[in-house]
Protein backbone atom coordinates (compact mmCIF):
# COMPACT_ATOMS: atom_id res chain seq x y z
CA MET A 1 211.02 -3.76 -36.58
CA ASP A 2 211.19 -2.56 -32.99
CA SER A 3 208.82 -4.56 -30.76
CA LYS A 4 209.17 -2.24 -27.76
CA ILE A 5 206.23 0.01 -26.80
CA TYR A 6 207.36 3.64 -26.49
CA LYS A 7 205.76 6.14 -24.13
CA TRP A 8 204.33 9.11 -26.04
CA LEU A 9 205.54 12.38 -24.41
CA LYS A 10 207.25 10.11 -21.83
CA GLN A 11 203.98 9.58 -19.94
CA ASP A 12 203.99 6.22 -18.14
CA TYR A 13 200.49 4.78 -17.77
CA ASP A 14 201.26 2.45 -14.85
CA LYS A 15 203.10 5.09 -12.82
CA ILE A 16 200.47 7.77 -13.40
CA LYS A 17 197.61 5.44 -12.56
CA ALA A 18 199.30 4.19 -9.38
CA GLU A 19 199.85 7.75 -8.19
CA CYS A 20 196.23 8.72 -8.94
CA LEU A 21 194.92 5.73 -6.98
CA LYS A 22 197.28 6.47 -4.11
CA ASN A 23 196.15 10.10 -3.92
CA LYS A 24 192.52 9.20 -4.67
CA LYS A 25 192.39 11.66 -7.56
CA LEU A 26 191.27 11.27 -11.15
CA PHE A 27 193.88 11.92 -13.81
CA VAL A 28 193.88 15.31 -15.54
CA ASP A 29 196.26 15.25 -18.49
CA PRO A 30 198.63 18.26 -18.43
CA GLU A 31 199.89 17.43 -21.95
CA PHE A 32 196.56 17.75 -23.78
CA THR A 33 194.46 20.71 -22.67
CA ASN A 34 193.96 22.63 -25.93
CA PHE A 35 190.98 20.44 -26.83
CA ILE A 36 189.01 22.47 -24.27
CA GLU A 37 190.23 25.85 -25.54
CA GLU A 38 189.39 24.90 -29.16
CA ASN A 39 185.78 24.04 -28.26
CA PRO A 40 184.38 26.85 -26.12
CA ASP A 41 180.81 25.86 -27.04
CA CYS A 42 181.15 22.56 -25.14
CA GLU A 43 181.06 21.26 -21.60
CA VAL A 44 183.73 18.84 -20.46
CA LYS A 45 182.57 15.76 -18.57
CA ARG A 46 183.77 12.28 -17.76
CA PRO A 47 181.67 9.21 -18.59
CA THR A 48 181.05 8.76 -14.86
CA GLU A 49 179.21 12.09 -14.96
CA LEU A 50 177.21 11.11 -18.06
CA CYS A 51 176.10 7.62 -17.18
CA GLN A 52 175.32 5.79 -13.97
CA THR A 53 177.19 2.69 -15.12
CA PRO A 54 179.67 3.58 -17.90
CA HIS A 55 181.50 0.86 -19.82
CA PHE A 56 184.74 0.90 -21.74
CA PHE A 57 183.49 -2.03 -23.85
CA ARG A 58 179.90 -3.21 -23.60
CA GLN A 59 179.37 -6.81 -24.64
CA HIS A 60 180.97 -7.78 -27.96
CA ILE A 61 182.60 -5.33 -30.35
CA SER A 62 180.75 -4.62 -33.57
CA ARG A 63 181.52 -2.47 -36.60
CA LEU A 64 177.93 -1.22 -36.32
CA ASP A 65 178.65 0.38 -32.93
CA ILE A 66 180.90 3.10 -34.32
CA GLN A 67 179.49 6.50 -35.25
CA GLN A 68 181.22 9.66 -36.42
CA GLY A 69 180.40 12.89 -34.61
CA GLU A 70 180.69 16.54 -35.65
CA LEU A 71 184.42 16.30 -36.36
CA GLY A 72 185.29 15.76 -40.02
CA ASP A 73 187.47 12.72 -39.30
CA CYS A 74 185.57 10.16 -41.38
CA TRP A 75 188.99 9.08 -42.67
CA MET A 76 189.98 7.94 -39.18
CA VAL A 77 186.56 6.60 -38.15
CA SER A 78 186.26 4.53 -41.35
CA ALA A 79 189.63 2.95 -40.52
CA ILE A 80 188.50 2.16 -36.96
CA ILE A 81 185.36 0.48 -38.37
CA THR A 82 187.42 -1.84 -40.56
CA LEU A 83 189.81 -2.53 -37.66
CA SER A 84 186.90 -3.52 -35.40
CA GLN A 85 186.29 -6.57 -37.58
CA HIS A 86 189.67 -7.94 -36.47
CA PRO A 87 189.47 -8.18 -32.64
CA LYS A 88 193.12 -9.12 -32.12
CA LEU A 89 194.31 -6.16 -34.18
CA LEU A 90 191.91 -3.89 -32.32
CA GLU A 91 193.15 -5.14 -28.94
CA ARG A 92 196.68 -4.07 -29.84
CA VAL A 93 195.44 -0.50 -30.39
CA VAL A 94 192.78 -0.55 -27.67
CA PRO A 95 193.99 -2.68 -24.72
CA ILE A 96 190.96 -4.47 -23.30
CA ASP A 97 192.20 -4.56 -19.70
CA GLN A 98 190.64 -1.11 -19.11
CA HIS A 99 187.33 -0.51 -17.42
CA TYR A 100 185.12 1.70 -15.29
CA SER A 101 184.79 -0.65 -12.33
CA GLU A 102 187.64 -1.39 -9.94
CA ASP A 103 190.79 0.74 -9.93
CA TYR A 104 189.22 3.43 -12.10
CA ALA A 105 191.49 6.50 -12.05
CA GLY A 106 190.29 8.52 -15.05
CA ILE A 107 193.25 7.40 -17.18
CA PHE A 108 193.27 5.28 -20.34
CA ARG A 109 195.90 4.21 -22.87
CA PHE A 110 195.97 3.45 -26.60
CA ARG A 111 198.67 2.37 -29.02
CA PHE A 112 199.47 3.57 -32.53
CA TRP A 113 202.14 2.65 -35.03
CA GLN A 114 204.53 5.49 -35.79
CA TYR A 115 207.45 5.03 -38.15
CA GLY A 116 208.41 1.48 -37.32
CA ARG A 117 207.41 1.36 -33.66
CA TRP A 118 204.35 1.26 -31.46
CA VAL A 119 203.79 4.25 -29.18
CA GLU A 120 201.46 4.31 -26.19
CA VAL A 121 199.37 7.44 -25.81
CA VAL A 122 197.91 8.22 -22.38
CA ILE A 123 194.77 10.36 -21.98
CA ASP A 124 192.32 11.37 -19.31
CA ASP A 125 188.67 10.53 -20.00
CA ARG A 126 187.29 14.07 -20.04
CA LEU A 127 185.14 14.37 -23.17
CA LEU A 128 183.45 17.23 -25.00
CA ILE A 129 179.69 17.46 -24.55
CA LYS A 130 177.40 19.58 -26.74
CA ALA A 131 173.61 19.75 -26.38
CA GLY A 132 173.71 16.87 -23.91
CA GLN A 133 175.65 14.37 -26.03
CA LEU A 134 179.22 13.63 -27.12
CA LYS A 135 180.33 16.14 -29.73
CA PHE A 136 182.66 13.80 -31.58
CA ALA A 137 182.82 10.04 -32.23
CA ARG A 138 180.59 7.86 -30.12
CA SER A 139 179.14 4.38 -29.76
CA THR A 140 175.62 3.50 -30.83
CA LYS A 141 175.49 1.43 -27.61
CA ARG A 142 174.37 3.38 -24.59
CA CYS A 143 177.09 4.06 -22.00
CA GLU A 144 179.99 2.63 -24.10
CA TYR A 145 182.99 4.97 -24.43
CA TRP A 146 186.02 3.25 -26.00
CA ILE A 147 185.35 4.83 -29.39
CA ALA A 148 185.26 8.37 -28.05
CA LEU A 149 188.43 7.72 -26.05
CA VAL A 150 190.48 6.21 -28.87
CA GLU A 151 189.54 9.21 -31.03
CA LYS A 152 190.77 11.54 -28.28
CA ALA A 153 194.06 9.62 -28.05
CA TYR A 154 194.51 9.89 -31.82
CA ALA A 155 193.84 13.64 -31.62
CA LYS A 156 196.51 13.92 -28.93
CA LEU A 157 198.96 12.01 -31.15
CA TYR A 158 198.41 14.56 -33.92
CA GLY A 159 198.32 17.57 -31.58
CA SER A 160 194.62 18.52 -31.54
CA TYR A 161 191.16 17.51 -32.68
CA LYS A 162 191.41 20.20 -35.37
CA LYS A 163 194.27 18.34 -37.01
CA LEU A 164 191.94 15.38 -37.58
CA GLN A 165 189.66 17.57 -39.70
CA GLY A 166 190.16 15.95 -43.11
CA GLY A 167 192.72 13.29 -43.89
CA ASP A 168 193.64 10.08 -45.67
CA PRO A 169 192.05 6.79 -44.51
CA GLY A 170 195.15 5.01 -45.77
CA VAL A 171 197.28 6.91 -43.25
CA ALA A 172 194.87 6.06 -40.43
CA MET A 173 194.91 2.36 -41.34
CA GLU A 174 198.71 2.38 -41.27
CA ASP A 175 198.69 4.09 -37.85
CA LEU A 176 196.33 1.38 -36.56
CA THR A 177 198.12 -1.67 -37.97
CA GLY A 178 201.73 -0.94 -38.90
CA GLY A 179 200.89 -2.08 -42.42
CA ILE A 180 201.18 -0.30 -45.77
CA SER A 181 198.31 1.34 -47.58
CA GLU A 182 197.82 1.11 -51.32
CA GLN A 183 195.46 3.50 -53.12
CA PHE A 184 193.62 2.89 -56.38
CA PHE A 185 191.96 5.66 -58.39
CA LEU A 186 188.82 3.97 -59.64
CA ASP A 187 188.73 5.80 -62.97
CA GLN A 188 192.22 4.42 -63.69
CA ALA A 189 191.93 1.08 -61.89
CA PRO A 190 193.35 -2.15 -63.29
CA SER A 191 190.84 -4.52 -64.89
CA ASN A 192 191.33 -7.06 -62.08
CA LEU A 193 190.68 -4.64 -59.23
CA PHE A 194 187.77 -6.66 -57.84
CA ASN A 195 190.05 -9.70 -57.61
CA ILE A 196 192.69 -7.56 -55.92
CA LEU A 197 190.14 -6.41 -53.33
CA TYR A 198 188.80 -9.94 -52.86
CA ASN A 199 192.25 -11.50 -52.45
CA SER A 200 193.29 -8.69 -50.10
CA SER A 201 190.28 -9.38 -47.89
CA ILE A 202 191.34 -13.04 -47.73
CA ARG A 203 194.74 -11.84 -46.53
CA GLU A 204 192.99 -9.94 -43.71
CA SER A 205 193.75 -6.54 -45.25
CA LEU A 206 191.78 -3.47 -44.16
CA LEU A 207 189.72 -1.79 -46.88
CA THR A 208 188.26 1.71 -47.21
CA ALA A 209 186.91 3.89 -50.01
CA SER A 210 186.37 7.60 -50.63
CA ILE A 211 184.27 9.87 -52.79
CA TYR A 212 185.94 13.11 -53.83
CA GLY A 213 184.19 16.47 -53.81
CA ASP A 214 184.92 20.16 -53.39
CA GLY A 215 185.76 19.77 -49.71
CA LYS A 216 182.20 20.12 -48.46
CA GLU A 217 180.09 17.07 -47.74
CA GLU A 218 177.27 16.90 -50.27
CA ILE A 219 174.62 14.18 -50.47
CA THR A 220 173.90 12.79 -53.95
CA LYS A 221 170.49 11.69 -55.26
CA LEU A 222 171.56 8.08 -54.75
CA GLY A 223 172.32 8.61 -51.05
CA LEU A 224 176.11 8.79 -51.19
CA VAL A 225 178.18 11.59 -49.66
CA LYS A 226 180.86 13.51 -51.56
CA SER A 227 184.09 14.51 -49.77
CA HIS A 228 183.60 11.52 -47.50
CA ALA A 229 185.35 8.26 -46.55
CA TYR A 230 183.65 4.89 -46.13
CA SER A 231 184.63 1.46 -44.80
CA ILE A 232 184.56 -1.62 -47.02
CA THR A 233 183.41 -4.32 -44.61
CA LYS A 234 183.06 -7.29 -46.99
CA VAL A 235 183.96 -8.36 -50.54
CA HIS A 236 181.71 -11.11 -51.84
CA VAL A 237 180.46 -12.93 -54.93
CA VAL A 238 176.86 -14.18 -55.00
CA GLU A 239 174.86 -16.40 -57.33
CA HIS A 240 172.11 -14.44 -59.07
CA THR A 241 169.49 -16.36 -61.04
CA SER A 242 168.62 -13.44 -63.32
CA LEU A 243 172.21 -12.76 -64.42
CA PRO A 244 174.43 -14.86 -66.70
CA LYS A 245 177.25 -14.81 -64.19
CA LYS A 246 177.91 -14.26 -60.50
CA ALA A 247 177.41 -10.78 -59.03
CA GLN A 248 180.46 -9.03 -57.58
CA LEU A 249 179.41 -7.11 -54.47
CA LEU A 250 180.93 -4.89 -51.78
CA ARG A 251 179.44 -4.22 -48.37
CA ILE A 252 180.17 -0.63 -47.37
CA LYS A 253 179.57 1.36 -44.20
CA ASN A 254 179.04 5.09 -43.86
CA PRO A 255 180.70 6.28 -40.59
CA TRP A 256 177.64 8.44 -39.95
CA ALA A 257 175.84 5.20 -38.98
CA ASP A 258 172.41 6.52 -39.93
CA ASP A 259 169.97 6.20 -42.85
CA MET A 260 172.35 7.88 -45.32
CA GLU A 261 172.91 4.84 -47.55
CA TRP A 262 173.18 3.88 -51.23
CA LYS A 263 169.76 3.84 -52.88
CA GLY A 264 170.62 2.07 -56.15
CA PRO A 265 170.75 -1.64 -57.12
CA TRP A 266 171.57 -4.04 -54.28
CA SER A 267 170.64 -1.41 -51.66
CA ASP A 268 168.54 -2.34 -48.62
CA GLY A 269 165.34 -4.04 -49.76
CA SER A 270 166.11 -3.73 -53.49
CA PRO A 271 164.60 -6.38 -55.84
CA GLN A 272 168.02 -7.86 -56.69
CA TRP A 273 168.02 -9.62 -53.33
CA ASN A 274 164.90 -11.59 -54.27
CA ALA A 275 166.97 -13.69 -56.68
CA ILE A 276 169.43 -14.72 -53.93
CA SER A 277 168.76 -17.92 -52.02
CA SER A 278 167.58 -17.60 -48.43
CA SER A 279 170.55 -19.67 -47.25
CA GLU A 280 173.02 -17.26 -48.86
CA ARG A 281 171.18 -14.25 -47.44
CA GLN A 282 171.44 -15.87 -44.04
CA GLU A 283 175.14 -16.63 -44.55
CA LEU A 284 175.71 -12.96 -45.36
CA GLY A 285 173.83 -11.90 -42.23
CA LEU A 286 171.70 -9.72 -44.46
CA VAL A 287 169.84 -7.10 -42.41
CA PHE A 288 168.10 -4.02 -43.76
CA GLU A 289 168.40 -1.27 -41.16
CA ASN A 290 169.20 2.44 -41.03
CA ASP A 291 172.73 1.79 -39.79
CA GLY A 292 174.75 3.32 -42.64
CA GLU A 293 175.77 -0.06 -44.04
CA PHE A 294 174.74 -1.18 -47.53
CA TRP A 295 175.65 -3.44 -50.44
CA ILE A 296 176.63 -2.17 -53.88
CA SER A 297 177.74 -3.88 -57.09
CA PHE A 298 181.39 -3.49 -57.98
CA LYS A 299 180.37 -1.83 -61.26
CA ASP A 300 178.35 0.85 -59.45
CA PHE A 301 181.11 1.19 -56.88
CA GLN A 302 183.60 2.06 -59.62
CA GLU A 303 181.22 4.60 -61.10
CA GLN A 304 180.17 6.28 -57.84
CA PHE A 305 183.33 6.21 -55.71
CA SER A 306 186.70 7.85 -56.40
CA THR A 307 189.30 5.72 -54.62
CA ALA A 308 189.77 2.42 -52.85
CA ASN A 309 192.44 1.91 -50.18
CA ILE A 310 193.93 -1.43 -49.19
CA CYS A 311 196.06 -1.65 -46.05
CA HIS A 312 198.24 -4.76 -46.28
CA ILE A 313 199.14 -5.91 -42.79
CA THR A 314 202.44 -7.47 -41.79
CA LEU A 315 203.36 -10.99 -40.75
CA GLU A 316 203.55 -9.79 -37.15
CA SER A 317 199.93 -8.68 -37.42
CA LEU A 318 198.85 -11.90 -39.14
CA SER A 319 200.35 -13.86 -36.24
CA LEU A 320 197.65 -12.35 -34.00
CA PHE A 321 194.94 -14.28 -35.83
CA GLU A 322 194.05 -17.46 -33.97
CA HIS A 323 192.82 -19.17 -37.14
CA GLY A 324 195.96 -18.21 -39.03
CA CYS A 325 195.98 -17.08 -42.64
CA ASN A 326 196.91 -19.39 -45.50
CA ALA A 327 197.36 -16.55 -47.99
CA LYS A 328 200.35 -14.61 -46.67
CA TRP A 329 202.64 -12.11 -48.31
CA ASP A 330 206.37 -12.64 -48.39
CA ILE A 331 207.57 -9.38 -46.82
CA THR A 332 210.90 -7.59 -46.51
CA LYS A 333 211.25 -4.50 -44.29
CA ILE A 334 214.25 -2.22 -44.56
CA ALA A 335 215.07 0.80 -42.36
CA ASP A 336 217.64 3.21 -43.75
CA SER A 337 218.39 6.86 -44.55
CA PHE A 338 218.11 8.69 -47.87
CA LYS A 339 221.59 10.11 -47.29
CA ASN A 340 223.06 6.61 -47.77
CA LYS A 341 221.71 6.50 -51.35
CA LYS A 342 221.18 2.75 -51.27
CA LYS A 343 219.39 0.74 -53.92
CA PHE A 344 217.92 -2.72 -53.52
CA VAL A 345 217.90 -5.57 -56.03
CA VAL A 346 214.77 -7.71 -55.72
CA THR A 347 214.90 -11.13 -57.36
CA LEU A 348 211.53 -12.60 -58.33
CA SER A 349 211.91 -16.28 -59.16
CA GLN A 350 208.42 -17.74 -59.13
CA PRO A 351 205.15 -16.44 -60.67
CA ASP A 352 202.03 -16.01 -58.57
CA GLU A 353 200.02 -19.14 -58.08
CA ASP A 354 197.34 -19.51 -60.78
CA ASP A 355 198.55 -16.41 -62.63
CA THR A 356 197.65 -16.97 -66.28
CA GLU A 357 200.44 -14.67 -67.52
CA ASN A 358 203.12 -16.32 -65.34
CA LYS A 359 203.88 -12.98 -63.68
CA CYS A 360 204.77 -11.95 -60.13
CA SER A 361 202.96 -9.42 -57.94
CA LEU A 362 205.30 -6.82 -56.48
CA ILE A 363 204.18 -4.12 -54.04
CA VAL A 364 206.77 -1.58 -52.87
CA ALA A 365 206.02 1.02 -50.18
CA LEU A 366 208.31 3.86 -49.15
CA ILE A 367 207.53 5.54 -45.82
CA GLN A 368 209.46 8.54 -44.53
CA LYS A 369 209.75 9.88 -41.01
CA SER A 370 208.01 13.21 -40.39
CA LEU A 371 210.20 16.29 -40.05
CA GLY A 372 210.69 17.20 -36.40
CA ARG A 373 207.52 17.39 -34.31
CA ASN A 374 205.46 18.62 -37.24
CA ARG A 375 203.58 15.43 -38.03
CA LEU A 376 202.21 16.78 -41.29
CA ARG A 377 205.43 18.07 -42.92
CA PHE A 378 207.49 15.83 -45.19
CA ASP A 379 210.22 15.88 -47.83
CA GLN A 380 209.51 14.97 -51.45
CA ILE A 381 209.89 11.22 -52.06
CA ALA A 382 209.52 8.78 -54.94
CA ILE A 383 210.19 5.15 -55.87
CA TYR A 384 212.05 4.23 -59.06
CA ILE A 385 211.97 0.58 -60.17
CA TYR A 386 214.18 -0.76 -62.98
CA ASP A 387 214.24 -4.05 -64.87
CA ILE A 388 217.93 -4.92 -64.58
CA ASP A 389 217.94 -7.77 -67.09
CA ASN A 390 216.27 -5.65 -69.80
CA ASN A 391 217.92 -2.35 -68.82
CA ASP A 392 214.54 -0.61 -68.57
CA LEU A 393 212.74 1.80 -66.24
CA ILE A 394 209.43 0.25 -65.13
CA ARG A 395 207.58 3.39 -64.08
CA PRO A 396 208.89 6.88 -63.27
CA ASP A 397 206.74 8.31 -60.49
CA PRO A 398 206.92 12.06 -59.73
CA SER A 399 208.27 13.06 -56.33
CA ILE A 400 205.54 14.15 -53.92
CA ASN A 401 205.34 15.61 -50.42
CA SER A 402 203.72 12.66 -48.69
CA ARG A 403 204.35 10.39 -45.74
CA ASP A 404 204.45 7.40 -48.06
CA VAL A 405 204.20 6.27 -51.65
CA VAL A 406 203.20 2.82 -52.89
CA GLN A 407 203.62 1.06 -56.24
CA ARG A 408 202.05 -2.22 -57.40
CA HIS A 409 203.35 -4.14 -60.41
CA LYS A 410 202.82 -7.45 -62.22
CA LEU A 411 206.25 -8.43 -63.56
CA PRO A 412 207.89 -11.43 -65.19
CA PRO A 413 210.38 -13.35 -63.03
CA GLY A 414 213.67 -11.51 -63.00
CA ARG A 415 215.85 -8.98 -61.19
CA TYR A 416 214.52 -5.52 -60.37
CA ALA A 417 216.31 -2.56 -58.79
CA VAL A 418 214.30 -0.50 -56.30
CA GLU A 419 215.59 3.02 -55.65
CA PRO A 420 214.10 5.19 -52.86
CA ARG A 421 214.52 8.88 -53.78
CA SER A 422 214.10 12.10 -51.81
CA ASN A 423 215.14 15.74 -51.85
CA GLY A 424 216.04 15.32 -48.17
CA THR A 425 218.34 13.14 -46.08
CA GLY A 426 215.88 11.80 -43.51
CA ASN A 427 215.14 8.24 -42.46
CA TYR A 428 212.78 5.91 -44.26
CA LEU A 429 211.21 2.46 -44.16
CA LEU A 430 210.99 0.38 -47.33
CA HIS A 431 208.48 -2.48 -47.48
CA ILE A 432 208.52 -5.09 -50.25
CA TYR A 433 205.55 -7.45 -50.62
CA THR A 434 205.33 -10.43 -53.02
CA GLU A 435 203.00 -13.42 -53.19
CA GLN A 436 205.89 -15.85 -53.68
CA LYS A 437 209.31 -15.89 -52.07
CA HIS A 438 211.74 -13.18 -53.13
CA ASP A 439 215.34 -12.21 -52.41
CA VAL A 440 216.62 -8.69 -51.64
CA GLN A 441 220.18 -7.40 -51.71
CA ALA A 442 221.28 -3.85 -50.91
CA ILE A 443 223.87 -2.19 -53.13
CA LYS A 444 225.45 1.24 -53.10
CA LYS A 445 225.81 3.53 -56.08
CA LYS A 446 229.44 2.68 -56.77
CA GLU A 447 228.64 -1.06 -56.82
CA ALA A 448 226.00 -0.80 -59.54
CA ASN A 449 226.86 -2.02 -63.02
CA VAL A 450 223.59 -1.16 -64.76
CA ASN A 451 223.76 2.32 -66.25
CA CYS A 452 220.02 2.92 -66.50
CA CYS A 453 219.51 2.19 -62.85
CA PHE A 454 222.01 4.48 -61.22
């Protein structure tokens, strides 16, 4: 993939900042002014007008610092929360060499992954103020502003704050990492989903969850919010003296960052915690506060939530971790065009380690480029996967208008044909993830000798 950083709207951060410092003027972004017009009920102020000593970052970064505002972008904020647990990944999106001390010029930059490349988005630091406080995302730390600014940069990337009103946390996680997002519907989830989540967390994947509703946020009797996205901040198994086996738990954070938390078993202060050793509670950093974060059993999670999203990050991203990662995917990335009608034969030779069925994990993600400058308009796409040796279609997925589609399979060792399909002729990225080594060969339609495949 392209390692170059591209300038969004051709705005060069270094040149603009140098000119502002030379002219002793604060940057006013001419490319993103509609955020003011769309919010006539707000004042517009810079952090220097709101706080005597503003900070970009204040002390260490914490997932508990991040709070959603009035904008319905929980899907994006939940992704930022999960990203904040991986400082090196966060630093790629939010460069840390920015501050409010020397050389302040009212200009900041952020980076997002867009169709195989990182783009740098430049913004000024004018923010919307309503009733004396930030209208949208904010930090729970006084006078810290990176969260509000990265949200503004993301709104500029999509064209306006309004376009962040409702969305898919999987898309946001991809934009923040360059990885691929896999979604599980919990009422149709595989029996080993907890193990999938646990193993994904070991591989440094980002995790989120959502509860479906009728489009309006509604609070349930158990403290959860419908039509809302959450962050999964930990996957853990604990010993529990009153149960015959270990308890499977998830730690989840509501982007509202307030007292709106799960009120069922394993919630803050619930009796289940009394059966956990003090050393394990300490290891978990267990704190009961009105911060929006709570624990829930995997069983209750499946019953109360609608979807879980896993964003599998790439080897380039894993290389940013100082401690490394022993559990890595074997990854192939392919950039091509639907008009070329290529198919790809994936050879799986070795089963997953410790897999009792001697099968191989295969994740295939197809990502298309948006049509023109309309970032929300796409062609219909689908992935077809065939077992070449047995002349069989694995799973026919319907074509959908989406930026990407993802399939996960557990398959015996063998040869499998992967066919990206679309009703258009645009460009796409194909990602293939396996636990063990695999081989990929591209073939064209006329080269195929398996009738069922092509």
